[in-house]
């Protein structure tokens, strides 16, 4: 990239992060262009789709969640490792405005399409070893997949997005989900 193109990209990404934080995944691409002081064609040249823009905005956070999953893989207790990762993903999805919508959009826009750089694909790949280890240890209900747990997290994050303390409420709902809604033995 030429120096001016790199500057435009950095400025667009910084403005997009602010707009997504303020307005979520449906932030206006035209407003991003105006605020960054570039034309909408420049936005589309750097980010050919809304999905590409969101992927760039969430890249660092999703990368950190993926790295966290890798760190947890070697823990001796597979259940505790999976729960630690699920808690981190839940907290991120609940507090990074737009991430839950982006995760959900990845699954609903074209369920048959594989989006190799999307948050869902990256988190699925990162979480799969944790889910497999927990399942092999008997710590998961048979048949539960990484897609299942990410779908639950997405639902929790969407449900708590406008809560005064979305991270705390999302954690409470995740704990409730993990415990179940009825006492055992009844």
N, C-alpha and C. Protein backbone atom coordinates (compact mmCIF):
# COMPACT_ATOMS: atom_id res chain seq x y z
N UNK A 1 0.83 -1.18 0.00
CA UNK A 1 0.00 0.00 0.00
C UNK A 1 0.88 1.25 0.00
N UNK A 2 0.44 2.22 -0.74
CA UNK A 2 1.12 3.52 -0.70
C UNK A 2 0.90 4.16 0.66
N UNK A 3 1.73 5.14 0.97
CA UNK A 3 1.65 5.80 2.28
C UNK A 3 0.28 6.42 2.52
N UNK A 4 -0.30 7.09 1.50
CA UNK A 4 -1.61 7.71 1.68
C UNK A 4 -2.70 6.66 1.86
N UNK A 5 -2.57 5.54 1.18
CA UNK A 5 -3.55 4.46 1.33
C UNK A 5 -3.46 3.86 2.73
N UNK A 6 -2.25 3.71 3.26
CA UNK A 6 -2.08 3.19 4.63
C UNK A 6 -2.70 4.16 5.65
N UNK A 7 -2.48 5.45 5.43
CA UNK A 7 -3.07 6.46 6.33
C UNK A 7 -4.60 6.40 6.27
N UNK A 8 -5.15 6.32 5.06
CA UNK A 8 -6.61 6.22 4.91
C UNK A 8 -7.15 4.98 5.60
N UNK A 9 -6.46 3.86 5.42
CA UNK A 9 -6.89 2.61 6.05
C UNK A 9 -6.90 2.76 7.57
N UNK A 10 -5.81 3.28 8.12
CA UNK A 10 -5.71 3.44 9.58
C UNK A 10 -6.79 4.40 10.09
N UNK A 11 -7.02 5.50 9.38
CA UNK A 11 -8.04 6.46 9.79
C UNK A 11 -9.43 5.83 9.70
N UNK A 12 -9.70 5.12 8.61
CA UNK A 12 -11.00 4.46 8.46
C UNK A 12 -11.24 3.43 9.56
N UNK A 13 -10.22 2.66 9.88
CA UNK A 13 -10.36 1.64 10.92
C UNK A 13 -10.62 2.29 12.28
N UNK A 14 -9.90 3.36 12.59
CA UNK A 14 -10.10 4.05 13.86
C UNK A 14 -11.52 4.62 13.96
N UNK A 15 -11.98 5.25 12.89
CA UNK A 15 -13.33 5.80 12.88
C UNK A 15 -14.36 4.68 12.95
N UNK A 16 -14.13 3.60 12.22
CA UNK A 16 -15.06 2.46 12.23
C UNK A 16 -15.17 1.87 13.63
N UNK A 17 -14.05 1.75 14.33
CA UNK A 17 -14.09 1.23 15.71
C UNK A 17 -14.98 2.11 16.58
N UNK A 18 -14.85 3.42 16.45
CA UNK A 18 -15.67 4.35 17.23
C UNK A 18 -17.15 4.24 16.85
N UNK A 19 -17.43 4.19 15.55
CA UNK A 19 -18.81 4.12 15.09
C UNK A 19 -19.48 2.80 15.48
N UNK A 20 -18.74 1.70 15.37
CA UNK A 20 -19.30 0.40 15.76
C UNK A 20 -19.53 0.38 17.27
N UNK A 21 -18.61 0.95 18.03
CA UNK A 21 -18.80 1.02 19.49
C UNK A 21 -20.06 1.82 19.83
N UNK A 22 -20.31 2.88 19.08
CA UNK A 22 -21.46 3.74 19.36
C UNK A 22 -22.77 3.21 18.78
N UNK A 23 -22.70 2.59 17.58
CA UNK A 23 -23.93 2.22 16.87
C UNK A 23 -24.06 0.74 16.55
N UNK A 24 -23.08 -0.06 16.94
CA UNK A 24 -23.15 -1.49 16.69
C UNK A 24 -22.77 -1.86 15.27
N UNK A 25 -23.06 -3.09 14.92
CA UNK A 25 -22.64 -3.66 13.64
C UNK A 25 -23.30 -3.00 12.44
N UNK A 26 -24.38 -2.26 12.66
CA UNK A 26 -25.05 -1.60 11.55
C UNK A 26 -24.64 -0.13 11.40
N UNK A 27 -23.47 0.22 11.94
CA UNK A 27 -22.96 1.59 11.81
C UNK A 27 -22.93 1.97 10.32
N UNK A 28 -23.24 3.21 10.05
CA UNK A 28 -23.32 3.69 8.67
C UNK A 28 -21.95 3.79 8.02
N UNK A 29 -21.79 3.11 6.89
CA UNK A 29 -20.53 3.19 6.15
C UNK A 29 -20.33 4.60 5.60
N UNK A 30 -21.41 5.26 5.23
CA UNK A 30 -21.30 6.62 4.73
C UNK A 30 -20.84 7.57 5.83
N UNK A 31 -21.36 7.38 7.04
CA UNK A 31 -20.94 8.21 8.18
C UNK A 31 -19.46 7.96 8.50
N UNK A 32 -19.04 6.74 8.41
CA UNK A 32 -17.63 6.41 8.64
C UNK A 32 -16.76 7.15 7.62
N UNK A 33 -17.17 7.11 6.37
CA UNK A 33 -16.41 7.81 5.32
C UNK A 33 -16.35 9.31 5.59
N UNK A 34 -17.51 9.91 5.92
CA UNK A 34 -17.55 11.35 6.19
C UNK A 34 -16.65 11.73 7.36
N UNK A 35 -16.76 10.98 8.45
CA UNK A 35 -15.97 11.28 9.64
C UNK A 35 -14.48 11.12 9.37
N UNK A 36 -14.13 10.12 8.56
CA UNK A 36 -12.72 9.89 8.24
C UNK A 36 -12.21 10.87 7.20
N UNK A 37 -13.12 11.61 6.56
CA UNK A 37 -12.70 12.60 5.57
C UNK A 37 -12.34 11.99 4.23
N UNK A 38 -12.99 10.87 3.89
CA UNK A 38 -12.74 10.21 2.60
C UNK A 38 -14.07 9.94 1.92
N UNK A 39 -14.02 9.56 0.67
CA UNK A 39 -15.23 9.22 -0.06
C UNK A 39 -15.65 7.78 0.22
N UNK A 40 -16.91 7.50 -0.08
CA UNK A 40 -17.41 6.14 0.16
C UNK A 40 -16.68 5.12 -0.72
N UNK A 41 -16.18 5.55 -1.88
CA UNK A 41 -15.42 4.63 -2.73
C UNK A 41 -14.13 4.19 -2.04
N UNK A 42 -13.53 5.07 -1.27
CA UNK A 42 -12.32 4.72 -0.52
C UNK A 42 -12.65 3.68 0.54
N UNK A 43 -13.78 3.84 1.21
CA UNK A 43 -14.20 2.84 2.20
C UNK A 43 -14.36 1.49 1.52
N UNK A 44 -15.05 1.46 0.39
CA UNK A 44 -15.32 0.21 -0.31
C UNK A 44 -14.05 -0.40 -0.90
N UNK A 45 -13.08 0.43 -1.24
CA UNK A 45 -11.81 -0.09 -1.76
C UNK A 45 -11.06 -0.86 -0.66
N UNK A 46 -11.08 -0.31 0.55
CA UNK A 46 -10.40 -0.96 1.67
C UNK A 46 -11.24 -2.08 2.29
N UNK A 47 -12.55 -1.87 2.31
CA UNK A 47 -13.47 -2.83 2.92
C UNK A 47 -14.61 -3.08 1.94
N UNK A 48 -14.48 -4.10 1.07
CA UNK A 48 -15.46 -4.31 0.01
C UNK A 48 -16.86 -4.68 0.51
N UNK A 49 -16.96 -5.05 1.78
CA UNK A 49 -18.28 -5.39 2.33
C UNK A 49 -18.32 -4.96 3.79
N UNK A 50 -19.51 -4.87 4.32
CA UNK A 50 -19.68 -4.57 5.75
C UNK A 50 -18.98 -5.65 6.58
N UNK A 51 -19.10 -6.88 6.11
CA UNK A 51 -18.46 -7.99 6.81
C UNK A 51 -16.95 -7.78 6.91
N UNK A 52 -16.32 -7.34 5.84
CA UNK A 52 -14.87 -7.10 5.84
C UNK A 52 -14.51 -5.99 6.83
N UNK A 53 -15.33 -4.96 6.92
CA UNK A 53 -15.09 -3.88 7.87
C UNK A 53 -15.22 -4.40 9.30
N UNK A 54 -16.28 -5.14 9.58
CA UNK A 54 -16.48 -5.67 10.94
C UNK A 54 -15.35 -6.62 11.33
N UNK A 55 -14.91 -7.44 10.37
CA UNK A 55 -13.82 -8.37 10.65
C UNK A 55 -12.58 -7.59 11.05
N UNK A 56 -12.29 -6.50 10.37
CA UNK A 56 -11.13 -5.68 10.70
C UNK A 56 -11.28 -5.03 12.07
N UNK A 57 -12.48 -4.54 12.38
CA UNK A 57 -12.73 -3.90 13.67
C UNK A 57 -12.57 -4.90 14.81
N UNK A 58 -13.05 -6.12 14.63
CA UNK A 58 -13.03 -7.10 15.71
C UNK A 58 -11.78 -7.98 15.72
N UNK A 59 -10.91 -7.84 14.73
CA UNK A 59 -9.76 -8.73 14.57
C UNK A 59 -8.93 -8.90 15.84
N UNK A 60 -8.57 -7.80 16.48
CA UNK A 60 -7.71 -7.87 17.65
C UNK A 60 -8.39 -8.62 18.80
N UNK A 61 -9.64 -8.28 19.06
CA UNK A 61 -10.36 -8.92 20.16
C UNK A 61 -10.58 -10.41 19.89
N UNK A 62 -10.96 -10.74 18.68
CA UNK A 62 -11.18 -12.14 18.33
C UNK A 62 -9.86 -12.89 18.39
N UNK A 63 -8.79 -12.26 17.93
CA UNK A 63 -7.47 -12.88 18.01
C UNK A 63 -7.08 -13.17 19.45
N UNK A 64 -7.38 -12.26 20.35
CA UNK A 64 -7.06 -12.47 21.77
C UNK A 64 -7.87 -13.64 22.34
N UNK A 65 -9.13 -13.75 21.94
CA UNK A 65 -9.95 -14.88 22.41
C UNK A 65 -9.43 -16.21 21.87
N UNK A 66 -8.97 -16.19 20.63
CA UNK A 66 -8.40 -17.42 20.04
C UNK A 66 -7.10 -17.80 20.74
N UNK A 67 -6.27 -16.81 21.02
CA UNK A 67 -5.02 -17.08 21.73
C UNK A 67 -5.31 -17.61 23.14
N UNK A 68 -6.33 -17.07 23.77
CA UNK A 68 -6.72 -17.54 25.12
C UNK A 68 -7.14 -19.01 25.07
N UNK A 69 -7.87 -19.39 24.04
CA UNK A 69 -8.27 -20.80 23.89
C UNK A 69 -7.04 -21.69 23.78
N UNK A 70 -6.06 -21.25 23.01
CA UNK A 70 -4.83 -22.05 22.86
C UNK A 70 -4.09 -22.16 24.19
N UNK A 71 -4.06 -21.09 24.96
CA UNK A 71 -3.41 -21.13 26.27
C UNK A 71 -4.09 -22.12 27.21
N UNK A 72 -5.41 -22.21 27.09
CA UNK A 72 -6.18 -23.07 27.99
C UNK A 72 -6.14 -24.56 27.60
N UNK A 73 -5.75 -24.85 26.37
CA UNK A 73 -5.76 -26.24 25.89
C UNK A 73 -4.94 -27.18 26.76
N UNK A 74 -3.85 -26.71 27.33
CA UNK A 74 -2.99 -27.59 28.12
C UNK A 74 -3.37 -27.73 29.57
N UNK A 75 -4.41 -27.06 30.00
CA UNK A 75 -4.83 -27.15 31.40
C UNK A 75 -5.28 -28.57 31.73
N UNK A 76 -4.98 -29.02 32.94
CA UNK A 76 -5.31 -30.41 33.30
C UNK A 76 -6.81 -30.69 33.41
N UNK A 77 -7.61 -29.69 33.73
CA UNK A 77 -9.06 -29.89 33.87
C UNK A 77 -9.76 -29.36 32.62
N UNK A 78 -10.17 -30.26 31.70
CA UNK A 78 -10.79 -29.81 30.44
C UNK A 78 -12.07 -29.02 30.65
N UNK A 79 -12.85 -29.37 31.66
CA UNK A 79 -14.10 -28.64 31.93
C UNK A 79 -13.79 -27.21 32.36
N UNK A 80 -12.86 -27.06 33.29
CA UNK A 80 -12.49 -25.73 33.77
C UNK A 80 -11.91 -24.89 32.64
N UNK A 81 -11.13 -25.51 31.77
CA UNK A 81 -10.54 -24.78 30.64
C UNK A 81 -11.63 -24.28 29.71
N UNK A 82 -12.59 -25.16 29.38
CA UNK A 82 -13.68 -24.75 28.50
C UNK A 82 -14.51 -23.65 29.14
N UNK A 83 -14.83 -23.79 30.42
CA UNK A 83 -15.65 -22.78 31.09
C UNK A 83 -14.92 -21.43 31.18
N UNK A 84 -13.62 -21.46 31.38
CA UNK A 84 -12.85 -20.20 31.41
C UNK A 84 -12.92 -19.51 30.06
N UNK A 85 -12.80 -20.29 28.98
CA UNK A 85 -12.88 -19.70 27.65
C UNK A 85 -14.28 -19.20 27.34
N UNK A 86 -15.29 -19.98 27.68
CA UNK A 86 -16.67 -19.55 27.44
C UNK A 86 -16.97 -18.27 28.19
N UNK A 87 -16.47 -18.14 29.40
CA UNK A 87 -16.68 -16.92 30.18
C UNK A 87 -16.02 -15.73 29.49
N UNK A 88 -14.82 -15.92 28.97
CA UNK A 88 -14.12 -14.83 28.27
C UNK A 88 -14.86 -14.44 27.00
N UNK A 89 -15.33 -15.42 26.25
CA UNK A 89 -16.06 -15.12 25.01
C UNK A 89 -17.38 -14.41 25.34
N UNK A 90 -18.06 -14.87 26.38
CA UNK A 90 -19.32 -14.25 26.78
C UNK A 90 -19.10 -12.80 27.19
N UNK A 91 -18.09 -12.55 28.00
CA UNK A 91 -17.82 -11.18 28.44
C UNK A 91 -17.48 -10.29 27.25
N UNK A 92 -16.70 -10.79 26.32
CA UNK A 92 -16.35 -10.00 25.13
C UNK A 92 -17.56 -9.74 24.26
N UNK A 93 -18.33 -10.78 24.01
CA UNK A 93 -19.51 -10.62 23.15
C UNK A 93 -20.53 -9.67 23.77
N UNK A 94 -20.60 -9.66 25.10
CA UNK A 94 -21.57 -8.79 25.77
C UNK A 94 -21.10 -7.35 25.84
N UNK A 95 -19.80 -7.11 25.83
CA UNK A 95 -19.31 -5.75 26.03
C UNK A 95 -18.77 -5.09 24.77
N UNK A 96 -18.50 -5.85 23.73
CA UNK A 96 -18.03 -5.27 22.48
C UNK A 96 -19.25 -5.11 21.59
N UNK A 97 -19.81 -3.92 21.61
CA UNK A 97 -21.06 -3.68 20.89
C UNK A 97 -20.91 -4.06 19.43
N UNK A 98 -21.80 -4.89 18.97
CA UNK A 98 -21.79 -5.30 17.57
C UNK A 98 -21.17 -6.66 17.33
N UNK A 99 -20.35 -7.17 18.28
CA UNK A 99 -19.71 -8.46 18.05
C UNK A 99 -20.76 -9.58 18.01
N UNK A 100 -21.71 -9.57 18.91
CA UNK A 100 -22.73 -10.62 18.91
C UNK A 100 -23.55 -10.59 17.62
N UNK A 101 -23.87 -9.38 17.16
CA UNK A 101 -24.62 -9.28 15.91
C UNK A 101 -23.79 -9.80 14.75
N UNK A 102 -22.50 -9.46 14.77
CA UNK A 102 -21.62 -9.95 13.71
C UNK A 102 -21.52 -11.48 13.75
N UNK A 103 -21.43 -12.05 14.94
CA UNK A 103 -21.39 -13.51 15.06
C UNK A 103 -22.67 -14.12 14.52
N UNK A 104 -23.81 -13.53 14.89
CA UNK A 104 -25.09 -14.03 14.43
C UNK A 104 -25.25 -13.85 12.93
N UNK A 105 -24.82 -12.71 12.41
CA UNK A 105 -24.92 -12.44 10.97
C UNK A 105 -24.09 -13.46 10.19
N UNK A 106 -22.91 -13.80 10.71
CA UNK A 106 -22.07 -14.80 10.05
C UNK A 106 -22.83 -16.11 9.86
N UNK A 107 -23.67 -16.45 10.83
CA UNK A 107 -24.39 -17.72 10.78
C UNK A 107 -25.67 -17.64 9.97
N UNK A 108 -26.24 -16.45 9.83
CA UNK A 108 -27.56 -16.37 9.19
C UNK A 108 -27.55 -15.85 7.77
N UNK A 109 -26.53 -15.06 7.39
CA UNK A 109 -26.55 -14.50 6.04
C UNK A 109 -26.52 -15.59 4.98
N UNK A 110 -25.61 -16.52 5.13
CA UNK A 110 -25.51 -17.65 4.21
C UNK A 110 -24.91 -18.81 4.98
N UNK A 111 -25.76 -19.58 5.67
CA UNK A 111 -25.25 -20.65 6.53
C UNK A 111 -24.35 -21.65 5.79
N UNK A 112 -24.51 -21.80 4.50
CA UNK A 112 -23.70 -22.75 3.75
C UNK A 112 -22.33 -22.19 3.40
N UNK A 113 -22.19 -20.86 3.41
CA UNK A 113 -20.92 -20.25 3.03
C UNK A 113 -19.93 -20.34 4.18
N UNK A 114 -18.68 -20.58 3.83
CA UNK A 114 -17.64 -20.60 4.83
C UNK A 114 -16.91 -19.27 4.77
N UNK A 115 -16.98 -18.52 5.84
CA UNK A 115 -16.31 -17.24 5.92
C UNK A 115 -15.01 -17.47 6.68
N UNK A 116 -13.93 -17.71 5.96
CA UNK A 116 -12.71 -18.13 6.63
C UNK A 116 -12.12 -17.08 7.56
N UNK A 117 -12.45 -15.81 7.39
CA UNK A 117 -11.89 -14.79 8.27
C UNK A 117 -12.92 -14.22 9.24
N UNK A 118 -14.08 -14.80 9.30
CA UNK A 118 -15.10 -14.23 10.17
C UNK A 118 -14.87 -14.65 11.62
N UNK A 119 -15.45 -13.90 12.52
CA UNK A 119 -15.30 -14.17 13.94
C UNK A 119 -15.82 -15.55 14.29
N UNK A 120 -16.94 -15.95 13.72
CA UNK A 120 -17.51 -17.25 14.03
C UNK A 120 -16.56 -18.37 13.65
N UNK A 121 -16.01 -18.31 12.45
CA UNK A 121 -15.10 -19.37 12.00
C UNK A 121 -13.86 -19.42 12.88
N UNK A 122 -13.31 -18.27 13.21
CA UNK A 122 -12.11 -18.23 14.05
C UNK A 122 -12.39 -18.76 15.44
N UNK A 123 -13.49 -18.35 16.04
CA UNK A 123 -13.82 -18.81 17.39
C UNK A 123 -14.19 -20.29 17.40
N UNK A 124 -14.85 -20.75 16.34
CA UNK A 124 -15.18 -22.17 16.24
C UNK A 124 -13.90 -22.99 16.19
N UNK A 125 -12.97 -22.58 15.36
CA UNK A 125 -11.71 -23.31 15.25
C UNK A 125 -10.94 -23.28 16.57
N UNK A 126 -10.92 -22.14 17.23
CA UNK A 126 -10.19 -22.01 18.49
C UNK A 126 -10.84 -22.82 19.61
N UNK A 127 -12.17 -22.83 19.66
CA UNK A 127 -12.87 -23.51 20.74
C UNK A 127 -13.04 -25.00 20.55
N UNK A 128 -12.91 -25.47 19.31
CA UNK A 128 -13.13 -26.89 19.03
C UNK A 128 -12.27 -27.82 19.90
N UNK A 129 -10.97 -27.57 20.04
CA UNK A 129 -10.18 -28.47 20.89
C UNK A 129 -10.64 -28.48 22.35
N UNK A 130 -11.07 -27.33 22.85
CA UNK A 130 -11.56 -27.27 24.23
C UNK A 130 -12.85 -28.07 24.39
N UNK A 131 -13.75 -27.94 23.43
CA UNK A 131 -15.01 -28.68 23.47
C UNK A 131 -14.74 -30.17 23.34
N UNK A 132 -13.85 -30.55 22.44
CA UNK A 132 -13.53 -31.96 22.24
C UNK A 132 -12.93 -32.57 23.51
N UNK A 133 -11.98 -31.85 24.13
CA UNK A 133 -11.36 -32.36 25.37
C UNK A 133 -12.41 -32.50 26.48
N UNK A 134 -13.28 -31.50 26.62
CA UNK A 134 -14.31 -31.56 27.66
C UNK A 134 -15.28 -32.71 27.38
N UNK A 135 -15.64 -32.91 26.12
CA UNK A 135 -16.54 -34.02 25.75
C UNK A 135 -15.87 -35.36 26.04
N UNK A 136 -14.60 -35.49 25.67
CA UNK A 136 -13.87 -36.74 25.91
C UNK A 136 -13.76 -37.04 27.40
N UNK A 137 -13.73 -36.01 28.23
CA UNK A 137 -13.63 -36.19 29.67
C UNK A 137 -15.00 -36.40 30.32
N UNK A 138 -16.06 -36.38 29.51
CA UNK A 138 -17.42 -36.56 30.04
C UNK A 138 -17.96 -35.31 30.71
N UNK A 139 -17.37 -34.17 30.44
CA UNK A 139 -17.78 -32.91 31.08
C UNK A 139 -18.83 -32.15 30.28
N UNK A 140 -19.25 -32.70 29.14
CA UNK A 140 -20.30 -32.09 28.32
C UNK A 140 -21.37 -33.12 28.03
N UNK A 141 -22.57 -32.65 27.90
CA UNK A 141 -23.66 -33.51 27.47
C UNK A 141 -23.31 -34.04 26.08
N UNK A 142 -23.49 -35.34 25.84
CA UNK A 142 -23.17 -35.89 24.52
C UNK A 142 -23.88 -35.12 23.40
N UNK A 143 -23.13 -34.86 22.35
CA UNK A 143 -23.68 -34.18 21.19
C UNK A 143 -23.53 -32.67 21.19
N UNK A 144 -23.11 -32.08 22.31
CA UNK A 144 -22.92 -30.62 22.35
C UNK A 144 -21.70 -30.28 21.50
N UNK A 145 -21.88 -29.28 20.64
CA UNK A 145 -20.79 -28.87 19.74
C UNK A 145 -20.32 -27.46 20.09
N UNK A 146 -19.20 -27.09 19.52
CA UNK A 146 -18.70 -25.73 19.71
C UNK A 146 -19.69 -24.74 19.09
N UNK A 147 -20.34 -25.11 18.02
CA UNK A 147 -21.36 -24.25 17.41
C UNK A 147 -22.51 -24.02 18.38
N UNK A 148 -22.90 -25.08 19.10
CA UNK A 148 -23.98 -24.94 20.09
C UNK A 148 -23.62 -23.91 21.16
N UNK A 149 -22.41 -24.02 21.71
CA UNK A 149 -22.05 -23.11 22.80
C UNK A 149 -21.86 -21.68 22.29
N UNK A 150 -21.33 -21.52 21.09
CA UNK A 150 -21.20 -20.16 20.54
C UNK A 150 -22.56 -19.56 20.23
N UNK A 151 -23.52 -20.37 19.81
CA UNK A 151 -24.87 -19.89 19.57
C UNK A 151 -25.51 -19.43 20.88
N UNK A 152 -25.31 -20.19 21.95
CA UNK A 152 -25.83 -19.78 23.26
C UNK A 152 -25.21 -18.46 23.71
N UNK A 153 -23.90 -18.34 23.53
CA UNK A 153 -23.21 -17.11 23.92
C UNK A 153 -23.73 -15.92 23.11
N UNK A 154 -23.94 -16.14 21.83
CA UNK A 154 -24.45 -15.07 20.97
C UNK A 154 -25.83 -14.63 21.46
N UNK A 155 -26.68 -15.59 21.77
CA UNK A 155 -28.01 -15.27 22.28
C UNK A 155 -27.96 -14.50 23.59
N UNK A 156 -27.08 -14.92 24.47
CA UNK A 156 -26.93 -14.23 25.75
C UNK A 156 -26.45 -12.80 25.52
N UNK A 157 -25.46 -12.64 24.65
CA UNK A 157 -24.92 -11.30 24.38
C UNK A 157 -25.98 -10.40 23.75
N UNK A 158 -26.75 -10.93 22.82
CA UNK A 158 -27.81 -10.13 22.20
C UNK A 158 -28.87 -9.74 23.22
N UNK A 159 -29.19 -10.65 24.13
CA UNK A 159 -30.22 -10.39 25.13
C UNK A 159 -29.77 -9.37 26.17
N UNK A 160 -28.47 -9.23 26.37
CA UNK A 160 -27.97 -8.34 27.42
C UNK A 160 -27.37 -7.05 26.88
N UNK A 161 -27.40 -6.86 25.57
CA UNK A 161 -26.73 -5.72 24.95
C UNK A 161 -27.12 -4.38 25.56
N UNK A 162 -28.39 -4.20 25.93
CA UNK A 162 -28.84 -2.91 26.45
C UNK A 162 -29.01 -2.91 27.97
N UNK A 163 -28.53 -3.94 28.62
CA UNK A 163 -28.57 -4.02 30.08
C UNK A 163 -27.59 -2.99 30.66
N UNK A 164 -27.87 -2.41 31.81
CA UNK A 164 -26.94 -1.44 32.40
C UNK A 164 -25.53 -2.02 32.63
N UNK A 165 -25.45 -3.31 32.95
CA UNK A 165 -24.15 -3.96 33.13
C UNK A 165 -24.15 -5.24 32.31
N UNK A 166 -23.93 -5.11 31.00
CA UNK A 166 -24.08 -6.28 30.13
C UNK A 166 -23.15 -7.44 30.47
N UNK A 167 -21.93 -7.16 30.90
CA UNK A 167 -20.99 -8.25 31.21
C UNK A 167 -21.46 -9.04 32.42
N UNK A 168 -21.91 -8.35 33.46
CA UNK A 168 -22.38 -9.05 34.66
C UNK A 168 -23.64 -9.86 34.37
N UNK A 169 -24.55 -9.28 33.63
CA UNK A 169 -25.79 -9.99 33.30
C UNK A 169 -25.51 -11.18 32.38
N UNK A 170 -24.60 -11.00 31.43
CA UNK A 170 -24.24 -12.10 30.53
C UNK A 170 -23.59 -13.23 31.32
N UNK A 171 -22.73 -12.89 32.26
CA UNK A 171 -22.09 -13.92 33.10
C UNK A 171 -23.14 -14.66 33.92
N UNK A 172 -24.09 -13.92 34.48
CA UNK A 172 -25.17 -14.55 35.26
C UNK A 172 -25.97 -15.53 34.40
N UNK A 173 -26.30 -15.10 33.19
CA UNK A 173 -27.08 -15.96 32.29
C UNK A 173 -26.26 -17.16 31.81
N UNK A 174 -24.96 -16.97 31.59
CA UNK A 174 -24.12 -18.11 31.22
C UNK A 174 -24.08 -19.11 32.37
N UNK A 175 -23.90 -18.62 33.59
CA UNK A 175 -23.90 -19.51 34.76
C UNK A 175 -25.22 -20.26 34.88
N UNK A 176 -26.32 -19.57 34.64
CA UNK A 176 -27.64 -20.19 34.68
C UNK A 176 -27.76 -21.26 33.59
N UNK A 177 -27.25 -20.96 32.42
CA UNK A 177 -27.28 -21.92 31.32
C UNK A 177 -26.47 -23.16 31.67
N UNK A 178 -25.30 -22.95 32.25
CA UNK A 178 -24.44 -24.09 32.60
C UNK A 178 -25.04 -24.93 33.72
N UNK A 179 -25.71 -24.29 34.67
CA UNK A 179 -26.32 -25.01 35.78
C UNK A 179 -27.65 -25.66 35.40
N UNK A 180 -28.34 -25.07 34.47
CA UNK A 180 -29.67 -25.54 34.11
C UNK A 180 -30.71 -24.74 34.86
N UNK A 181 -31.94 -24.88 34.45
CA UNK A 181 -32.99 -24.07 35.08
C UNK A 181 -33.83 -24.85 36.08
N UNK A 182 -33.55 -26.13 36.25
CA UNK A 182 -34.29 -26.87 37.25
C UNK A 182 -33.31 -27.67 38.12
N UNK A 183 -33.67 -27.84 39.38
CA UNK A 183 -32.79 -28.60 40.25
C UNK A 183 -32.68 -30.06 39.80
N UNK A 184 -31.50 -30.61 39.98
CA UNK A 184 -31.29 -32.03 39.62
C UNK A 184 -32.09 -32.93 40.55
N UNK A 185 -32.55 -34.04 40.04
CA UNK A 185 -33.26 -35.01 40.86
C UNK A 185 -34.75 -34.79 40.95
N UNK A 186 -35.28 -33.81 40.27
CA UNK A 186 -36.73 -33.59 40.33
C UNK A 186 -37.36 -34.06 39.05
